[in-house]
Amino acid sequence: MTQISIIIVNYNARYFLKNCIGSINRSLDVNEIEIIVVDNASTDGSSEMLRADFPEVMLIENTANVGFSKANNQGVAMAAGKYILILNPDTLIAEDTLKDVLQISEMKQNMGVLGVRFIDGSGRFLPESKRNFPDLMAAGLKLLGISRKYYARHIAEKETAAVDILSGAFMFMKKSVFDQIGGFDEDFFMYGEDIDLSYRISQAGYTNYYYGGATLLHYKGESTQKNPAHYQNFYGAMKLFYQKHLEREPISERLIGLIVNTAIRIKSIEKTKQTNAVKPFRNWIYLGNDQGIFDKIQNAYPGTTGEMVHSLPEFSLKTDIVFYDSACLSFKEIIDYMSAHKGMLPRQRIISQDGTFLTGSDHSHTRGEVVVF
């Protein structure tokens, strides 16, 4: 029997998706993993890449972008696993992550959804890894940019504890639980569907868990542009959630509508920088042992000075950017090192296992960088 079915909804995240699947394929001590990718009409060659590089992956090609909820439901409908993992394409998992979450899940009675600790491309912890139920006050403050009640700050980053809401970037659960509550609500096109699913699973009598013993690298923002339509989807999803689950009191509905509309106007006029351009740098370190890869980096960034280092070092302040070779280092080594040195490291990039490109991101609110060699 297949143990885990991994469903990845992709939209124009070809290179991040390739690295994501590469990290899954290095998972330890887990038998019978299947990967199902649902592509929402990407135009960047994602489907062609999958057919060429990962023929074992089951691929559903939608002719239009049907949204996150419907696409995930399509993938789960094909799944044969006892467990399913809803996973974003702009993520990397450590080699022992699936083994660990499977063991934890088998020990937890009445488990709903299990989530893990997230870090961004700079190694910083992402608080959306664990969230409280967004009551009217918490949601209203969050929509206006105040998040102290929105996130589950009472749970430590590396603790394991019951939690209300988990992120759709990594949701591990029994397929039977997903099927019992009817999957994702397809009224949520993008955003809010993970809150709705977590809430409905909890309402069905299950306990959701945050597992801080595993860390996921989540670049964020690779499938979306921060434009007015994005904010309409994001804040509109919050409004939909409250219309669906809160008591339909006229005051509450009017207040949520006012807050949502105000937030959309504010965010839509903000200048959000979304660029793949990397700031100039002079000095870099290549963590690996392949002279050919070292030369590719040098050619990609002429006028810079590089050094080849064969093991994870303590970086000098003169280093501007670090290139991790995932063919030489494990993903666990890379993720753990980034997490342990958050705020102390320079900018970081990860080179694909086949040495044909690199990916990275300097901030969770901006698009990442892709350089093809």
Protein backbone atom coordinates (compact mmCIF):
# COMPACT_ATOMS: atom_id res chain seq x y z
CA MET A 1 0.00 0.00 0.00
CA THR A 2 1.24 3.47 -0.82
CA GLN A 3 2.15 5.24 2.41
CA ILE A 4 2.18 8.87 1.28
CA SER A 5 0.66 10.63 -1.71
CA ILE A 6 2.17 14.07 -2.22
CA ILE A 7 0.01 16.57 -4.10
CA ILE A 8 1.69 19.66 -5.52
CA VAL A 9 -0.30 22.37 -7.29
CA ASN A 10 1.98 24.25 -9.67
CA TYR A 11 1.63 27.51 -11.52
CA ASN A 12 4.71 28.81 -13.35
CA ALA A 13 7.19 27.65 -10.72
CA ARG A 14 9.18 25.28 -12.94
CA TYR A 15 12.62 25.55 -11.34
CA PHE A 16 11.39 25.65 -7.75
CA LEU A 17 9.17 22.65 -8.54
CA LYS A 18 12.15 20.70 -9.91
CA ASN A 19 14.14 21.30 -6.74
CA CYS A 20 11.11 20.44 -4.60
CA ILE A 21 10.64 17.05 -6.27
CA GLY A 22 14.39 16.47 -6.09
CA SER A 23 14.25 16.93 -2.32
CA ILE A 24 11.29 14.55 -2.01
CA ASN A 25 13.15 11.88 -3.96
CA ARG A 26 15.95 11.91 -1.38
CA SER A 27 13.58 11.06 1.48
CA LEU A 28 14.82 8.36 3.85
CA ASP A 29 13.10 5.27 5.24
CA VAL A 30 9.71 5.90 3.67
CA ASN A 31 8.33 3.33 1.24
CA GLU A 32 5.84 3.82 -1.52
CA ILE A 33 5.74 7.57 -2.02
CA GLU A 34 3.78 8.83 -5.00
CA ILE A 35 3.91 12.37 -6.33
CA ILE A 36 0.95 13.97 -8.10
CA VAL A 37 1.46 17.37 -9.71
CA VAL A 38 -1.57 19.37 -10.81
CA ASP A 39 -0.45 22.09 -13.20
CA ASN A 40 -2.75 25.09 -13.50
CA ALA A 41 -2.01 26.01 -17.13
CA SER A 42 1.61 27.08 -16.60
CA THR A 43 3.38 28.71 -19.54
CA ASP A 44 6.96 28.26 -18.31
CA GLY A 45 7.57 24.68 -19.49
CA SER A 46 6.75 23.05 -16.13
CA SER A 47 4.87 20.13 -17.69
CA GLU A 48 7.59 19.51 -20.27
CA MET A 49 10.20 19.47 -17.49
CA LEU A 50 8.18 16.94 -15.50
CA ARG A 51 7.77 14.60 -18.44
CA ALA A 52 11.48 14.77 -19.24
CA ASP A 53 12.99 14.67 -15.75
CA PHE A 54 10.37 12.93 -13.59
CA PRO A 55 8.36 10.53 -15.78
CA GLU A 56 7.24 8.67 -12.65
CA VAL A 57 5.31 11.72 -11.42
CA MET A 58 1.58 11.66 -12.13
CA LEU A 59 0.69 14.85 -13.96
CA ILE A 60 -2.69 16.50 -14.32
CA GLU A 61 -2.59 19.37 -16.84
CA ASN A 62 -5.43 21.85 -16.47
CA THR A 63 -6.15 24.05 -19.46
CA ALA A 64 -6.98 26.97 -17.16
CA ASN A 65 -5.95 28.12 -13.71
CA VAL A 66 -8.69 26.52 -11.63
CA GLY A 67 -7.25 27.71 -8.32
CA PHE A 68 -5.53 26.05 -5.39
CA SER A 69 -8.53 24.33 -3.81
CA LYS A 70 -9.97 22.68 -6.91
CA ALA A 71 -6.55 21.61 -8.19
CA ASN A 72 -5.67 19.97 -4.86
CA ASN A 73 -9.01 18.17 -4.83
CA GLN A 74 -8.20 16.87 -8.32
CA GLY A 75 -4.88 15.53 -7.08
CA VAL A 76 -6.25 13.93 -3.93
CA ALA A 77 -8.92 12.17 -6.02
CA MET A 78 -6.07 10.27 -7.74
CA ALA A 79 -4.15 9.54 -4.54
CA ALA A 80 -3.64 5.96 -3.38
CA GLY A 81 -1.79 6.72 -0.15
CA LYS A 82 -2.96 6.19 3.41
CA TYR A 83 -1.63 9.70 4.05
CA ILE A 84 -1.62 12.73 1.82
CA LEU A 85 0.73 15.70 1.90
CA ILE A 86 -0.42 18.98 0.41
CA LEU A 87 2.85 20.67 -0.56
CA ASN A 88 3.76 23.92 -2.30
CA PRO A 89 6.19 23.79 -5.24
CA ASP A 90 8.38 26.56 -3.79
CA THR A 91 9.48 24.38 -0.87
CA LEU A 92 12.35 22.05 0.02
CA ILE A 93 12.11 19.24 2.56
CA ALA A 94 14.94 17.60 4.48
CA GLU A 95 15.72 13.95 3.84
CA ASP A 96 14.21 12.83 7.17
CA THR A 97 11.08 15.01 7.15
CA LEU A 98 8.63 12.50 5.68
CA LYS A 99 9.92 9.73 7.95
CA ASP A 100 9.50 11.96 11.00
CA VAL A 101 6.01 13.26 10.20
CA LEU A 102 4.86 9.72 9.37
CA GLN A 103 6.11 8.43 12.73
CA ILE A 104 4.53 11.32 14.63
CA SER A 105 1.23 10.85 12.81
CA GLU A 106 1.14 7.13 13.56
CA MET A 107 1.58 7.88 17.27
CA LYS A 108 -1.06 10.62 17.49
CA GLN A 109 -4.57 9.41 18.10
CA ASN A 110 -7.38 11.30 16.43
CA MET A 111 -4.94 13.45 14.45
CA GLY A 112 -6.30 15.90 11.94
CA VAL A 113 -3.65 17.92 10.09
CA LEU A 114 0.06 17.99 10.92
CA GLY A 115 2.23 20.95 9.96
CA VAL A 116 5.93 21.71 10.41
CA ARG A 117 8.23 24.64 11.09
CA PHE A 118 8.84 26.94 8.09
CA ILE A 119 11.83 29.13 7.29
CA ASP A 120 12.23 31.53 4.37
CA GLY A 121 15.13 31.83 1.93
CA SER A 122 17.19 33.75 4.46
CA GLY A 123 16.73 31.16 7.21
CA ARG A 124 14.24 33.21 9.23
CA PHE A 125 11.29 31.52 10.91
CA LEU A 126 7.92 32.10 9.26
CA PRO A 127 5.22 32.65 11.91
CA GLU A 128 2.43 31.43 9.62
CA SER A 129 3.72 27.91 10.37
CA LYS A 130 1.31 27.92 13.32
CA ARG A 131 -1.75 30.11 13.69
CA ASN A 132 -4.61 30.65 16.09
CA PHE A 133 -8.20 30.49 15.00
CA PRO A 134 -8.77 33.94 13.51
CA ASP A 135 -11.62 35.31 15.58
CA LEU A 136 -13.11 38.65 14.64
CA MET A 137 -10.56 40.68 16.61
CA ALA A 138 -7.49 38.68 15.49
CA ALA A 139 -8.55 38.69 11.84
CA GLY A 140 -9.40 42.37 11.84
CA LEU A 141 -6.04 43.31 13.31
CA LYS A 142 -4.25 40.98 10.86
CA LEU A 143 -6.00 42.54 7.89
CA LEU A 144 -4.73 45.91 9.11
CA GLY A 145 -1.17 44.60 9.54
CA ILE A 146 -1.18 43.74 13.28
CA SER A 147 -0.52 40.03 13.68
CA ARG A 148 0.26 39.37 17.37
CA LYS A 149 -3.05 37.55 18.00
CA TYR A 150 -3.16 35.90 14.60
CA TYR A 151 -0.09 33.68 15.03
CA ALA A 152 0.23 30.96 17.71
CA ARG A 153 3.12 32.60 19.53
CA HIS A 154 2.39 30.62 22.71
CA ILE A 155 3.90 27.57 20.96
CA ALA A 156 7.71 27.63 20.68
CA GLU A 157 9.28 27.29 17.22
CA LYS A 158 10.63 23.78 17.89
CA GLU A 159 7.83 22.56 20.13
CA THR A 160 5.21 19.96 19.21
CA ALA A 161 1.71 20.96 20.28
CA ALA A 162 -1.95 21.11 19.31
CA VAL A 163 -2.72 24.13 17.15
CA ASP A 164 -5.77 25.62 15.46
CA ILE A 165 -4.65 26.49 11.94
CA LEU A 166 -1.87 25.19 9.66
CA SER A 167 -0.51 26.46 6.38
CA GLY A 168 -1.47 25.02 3.00
CA ALA A 169 2.22 24.98 2.02
CA PHE A 170 2.59 21.75 4.04
CA MET A 171 -0.46 19.87 5.32
CA PHE A 172 0.02 16.19 6.26
CA MET A 173 -3.06 14.11 7.09
CA LYS A 174 -4.81 10.82 6.55
CA LYS A 175 -6.63 10.72 3.24
CA SER A 176 -9.67 9.37 5.07
CA VAL A 177 -9.86 12.56 7.15
CA PHE A 178 -9.60 14.75 4.04
CA ASP A 179 -12.32 12.71 2.33
CA GLN A 180 -14.57 12.73 5.40
CA ILE A 181 -14.77 16.51 5.56
CA GLY A 182 -15.13 16.87 1.80
CA GLY A 183 -11.69 18.22 0.90
CA PHE A 184 -10.95 21.86 0.16
CA ASP A 185 -13.87 24.22 -0.31
CA GLU A 186 -13.59 25.27 -3.96
CA ASP A 187 -15.24 28.60 -3.26
CA PHE A 188 -11.77 29.60 -2.05
CA PHE A 189 -9.81 30.17 -5.26
CA MET A 190 -6.51 30.99 -3.56
CA TYR A 191 -5.81 31.86 0.10
CA GLY A 192 -8.01 31.05 3.08
CA GLU A 193 -8.60 27.46 1.99
CA ASP A 194 -6.06 26.18 4.54
CA ILE A 195 -7.78 28.11 7.34
CA ASP A 196 -11.14 26.73 6.26
CA LEU A 197 -9.84 23.14 5.98
CA SER A 198 -8.05 23.28 9.37
CA TYR A 199 -11.18 24.70 10.99
CA ARG A 200 -13.54 22.11 9.50
CA ILE A 201 -11.23 19.24 10.49
CA SER A 202 -11.14 20.58 14.04
CA GLN A 203 -14.93 20.96 14.05
CA ALA A 204 -15.19 17.31 13.00
CA GLY A 205 -13.51 16.31 16.27
CA TYR A 206 -9.88 15.91 15.21
CA THR A 207 -6.81 17.60 16.70
CA ASN A 208 -4.41 19.52 14.49
CA TYR A 209 -0.73 19.50 15.42
CA TYR A 210 2.28 21.70 14.85
CA TYR A 211 5.52 19.67 14.74
CA GLY A 212 8.55 21.89 15.34
CA GLY A 213 11.02 19.02 15.00
CA ALA A 214 11.07 19.27 11.19
CA THR A 215 11.88 22.36 9.16
CA LEU A 216 10.62 23.23 5.69
CA LEU A 217 12.30 25.80 3.46
CA HIS A 218 9.48 27.85 1.93
CA TYR A 219 10.47 30.56 -0.52
CA LYS A 220 6.92 31.95 -0.85
CA GLY A 221 5.41 34.06 -3.58
CA GLU A 222 6.65 32.11 -6.60
CA SER A 223 3.18 31.52 -8.05
CA THR A 224 1.62 34.89 -7.32
CA GLN A 225 2.18 38.53 -8.14
CA LYS A 226 1.52 41.13 -5.44
CA ASN A 227 -0.94 43.22 -7.42
CA PRO A 228 -4.53 44.44 -6.77
CA ALA A 229 -5.98 41.13 -7.95
CA HIS A 230 -3.74 39.31 -5.43
CA TYR A 231 -5.04 41.44 -2.57
CA GLN A 232 -8.63 41.00 -3.72
CA ASN A 233 -8.10 37.21 -3.51
CA PHE A 234 -6.23 37.35 -0.20
CA TYR A 235 -8.57 39.60 1.73
CA GLY A 236 -11.66 38.39 -0.08
CA ALA A 237 -10.86 34.88 1.19
CA MET A 238 -10.91 36.15 4.77
CA LYS A 239 -14.28 37.73 4.17
CA LEU A 240 -15.61 34.49 2.68
CA PHE A 241 -14.38 32.53 5.70
CA TYR A 242 -16.31 34.73 8.10
CA GLN A 243 -19.44 34.73 6.00
CA LYS A 244 -19.27 30.94 6.03
CA HIS A 245 -18.39 30.19 9.65
CA LEU A 246 -19.22 33.11 11.92
CA GLU A 247 -22.70 33.72 13.16
CA ARG A 248 -24.31 35.94 10.58
CA GLU A 249 -24.71 39.00 12.73
CA PRO A 250 -25.22 42.19 10.69
CA ILE A 251 -22.68 44.14 12.78
CA SER A 252 -19.99 41.50 12.29
CA GLU A 253 -20.59 41.25 8.56
CA ARG A 254 -20.51 45.02 8.10
CA LEU A 255 -17.36 45.33 10.21
CA ILE A 256 -15.51 42.58 8.34
CA GLY A 257 -16.58 44.09 5.02
CA LEU A 258 -15.30 47.50 6.07
CA ILE A 259 -11.97 46.11 7.28
CA VAL A 260 -11.48 43.99 4.16
CA ASN A 261 -12.26 46.83 1.77
CA THR A 262 -9.96 49.19 3.69
CA ALA A 263 -7.13 46.65 3.67
CA ILE A 264 -7.50 46.07 -0.07
CA ARG A 265 -7.31 49.79 -0.78
CA ILE A 266 -4.22 50.23 1.40
CA LYS A 267 -2.33 47.24 0.03
CA SER A 268 -3.26 47.92 -3.58
CA ILE A 269 -1.57 51.31 -3.53
CA GLU A 270 1.57 50.13 -1.75
CA LYS A 271 4.63 49.67 -3.92
CA THR A 272 5.55 46.04 -3.44
CA LYS A 273 8.88 45.16 -4.99
CA GLN A 274 8.72 41.93 -6.94
CA THR A 275 11.79 41.34 -9.02
CA ASN A 276 14.10 38.54 -9.98
CA ALA A 277 17.06 40.90 -10.16
CA VAL A 278 19.77 40.29 -7.57
CA LYS A 279 21.65 43.14 -5.96
CA PRO A 280 25.27 43.48 -7.04
CA PHE A 281 27.85 41.62 -4.98
CA ARG A 282 31.61 41.11 -5.09
CA ASN A 283 32.63 38.08 -3.01
CA TRP A 284 31.04 34.66 -2.77
CA ILE A 285 31.56 31.15 -1.44
CA TYR A 286 30.71 27.96 -3.28
CA LEU A 287 29.97 25.10 -0.87
CA GLY A 288 30.76 22.01 -2.88
CA ASN A 289 33.52 20.13 -4.67
CA ASP A 290 32.71 20.43 -8.38
CA GLN A 291 35.07 22.68 -10.32
CA GLY A 292 32.65 22.74 -13.23
CA ILE A 293 29.90 24.22 -11.03
CA PHE A 294 32.35 26.71 -9.57
CA ASP A 295 33.19 27.86 -13.11
CA LYS A 296 29.48 28.16 -14.00
CA ILE A 297 28.91 30.49 -11.06
CA GLN A 298 31.92 32.55 -12.04
CA ASN A 299 30.61 32.86 -15.60
CA ALA A 300 27.13 33.80 -14.37
CA TYR A 301 28.52 36.60 -12.21
CA PRO A 302 31.52 38.10 -14.03
CA GLY A 303 33.67 40.54 -12.12
CA THR A 304 33.13 38.78 -8.79
CA THR A 305 35.56 36.74 -6.69
CA GLY A 306 34.70 33.25 -5.48
CA GLU A 307 36.12 30.61 -3.18
CA MET A 308 35.43 26.87 -3.13
CA VAL A 309 34.80 25.46 0.36
CA HIS A 310 34.18 21.75 0.88
CA SER A 311 32.26 21.84 4.18
CA LEU A 312 29.85 24.12 6.02
CA PRO A 313 32.01 26.92 7.47
CA GLU A 314 31.56 29.88 9.71
CA PHE A 315 31.28 32.67 7.18
CA SER A 316 33.47 35.76 7.21
CA LEU A 317 31.86 39.18 6.99
CA LYS A 318 33.59 39.68 3.64
CA THR A 319 31.37 37.09 2.02
CA ASP A 320 28.39 38.58 0.17
CA ILE A 321 26.58 35.44 -1.03
CA VAL A 322 26.78 31.68 -0.49
CA PHE A 323 26.03 28.99 -3.08
CA TYR A 324 25.07 25.58 -1.65
CA ASP A 325 25.59 22.64 -4.02
CA SER A 326 22.73 20.23 -3.29
CA ALA A 327 24.58 17.47 -5.14
CA CYS A 328 27.31 17.62 -2.47
CA LEU A 329 25.31 18.61 0.60
CA SER A 330 22.12 17.09 1.97
CA PHE A 331 19.02 19.26 2.06
CA LYS A 332 18.92 18.69 5.80
CA GLU A 333 22.42 20.12 6.16
CA ILE A 334 21.49 23.17 4.11
CA ILE A 335 18.16 23.81 5.85
CA ASP A 336 19.54 23.26 9.36
CA TYR A 337 22.54 25.49 8.70
CA MET A 338 20.40 28.28 7.29
CA SER A 339 18.05 28.06 10.26
CA ALA A 340 20.81 27.98 12.86
CA HIS A 341 22.54 31.03 11.39
CA LYS A 342 19.54 33.18 10.54
CA GLY A 343 20.45 36.84 10.57
CA MET A 344 24.17 36.05 10.50
CA LEU A 345 24.45 34.66 7.00
CA PRO A 346 24.86 36.61 3.80
CA ARG A 347 22.50 35.98 0.90
CA GLN A 348 22.10 32.34 -0.06
CA ARG A 349 21.35 30.31 -3.17
CA ILE A 350 20.88 26.58 -3.74
CA ILE A 351 22.26 24.90 -6.85
CA SER A 352 20.11 22.12 -8.32
CA GLN A 353 21.25 18.52 -8.05
CA ASP A 354 21.94 18.35 -11.78
CA GLY A 355 23.94 21.59 -11.68
CA THR A 356 21.88 23.37 -14.34
CA PHE A 357 20.38 26.25 -12.33
CA LEU A 358 20.20 27.91 -8.94
CA THR A 359 17.33 29.32 -6.91
CA GLY A 360 17.03 31.54 -3.87
CA SER A 361 15.23 34.37 -2.21
CA ASP A 362 16.34 37.21 0.06
CA HIS A 363 12.97 38.08 1.56
CA SER A 364 9.67 36.28 2.08
CA HIS A 365 7.73 39.19 0.53
CA THR A 366 9.55 39.27 -2.82
CA ARG A 367 9.93 36.95 -5.76
CA GLY A 368 12.92 34.65 -5.73
CA GLU A 369 15.87 34.51 -8.09
CA VAL A 370 16.42 31.83 -10.72
CA VAL A 371 19.66 31.66 -12.72
CA VAL A 372 19.95 29.03 -15.44
CA PHE A 373 23.52 28.00 -16.27
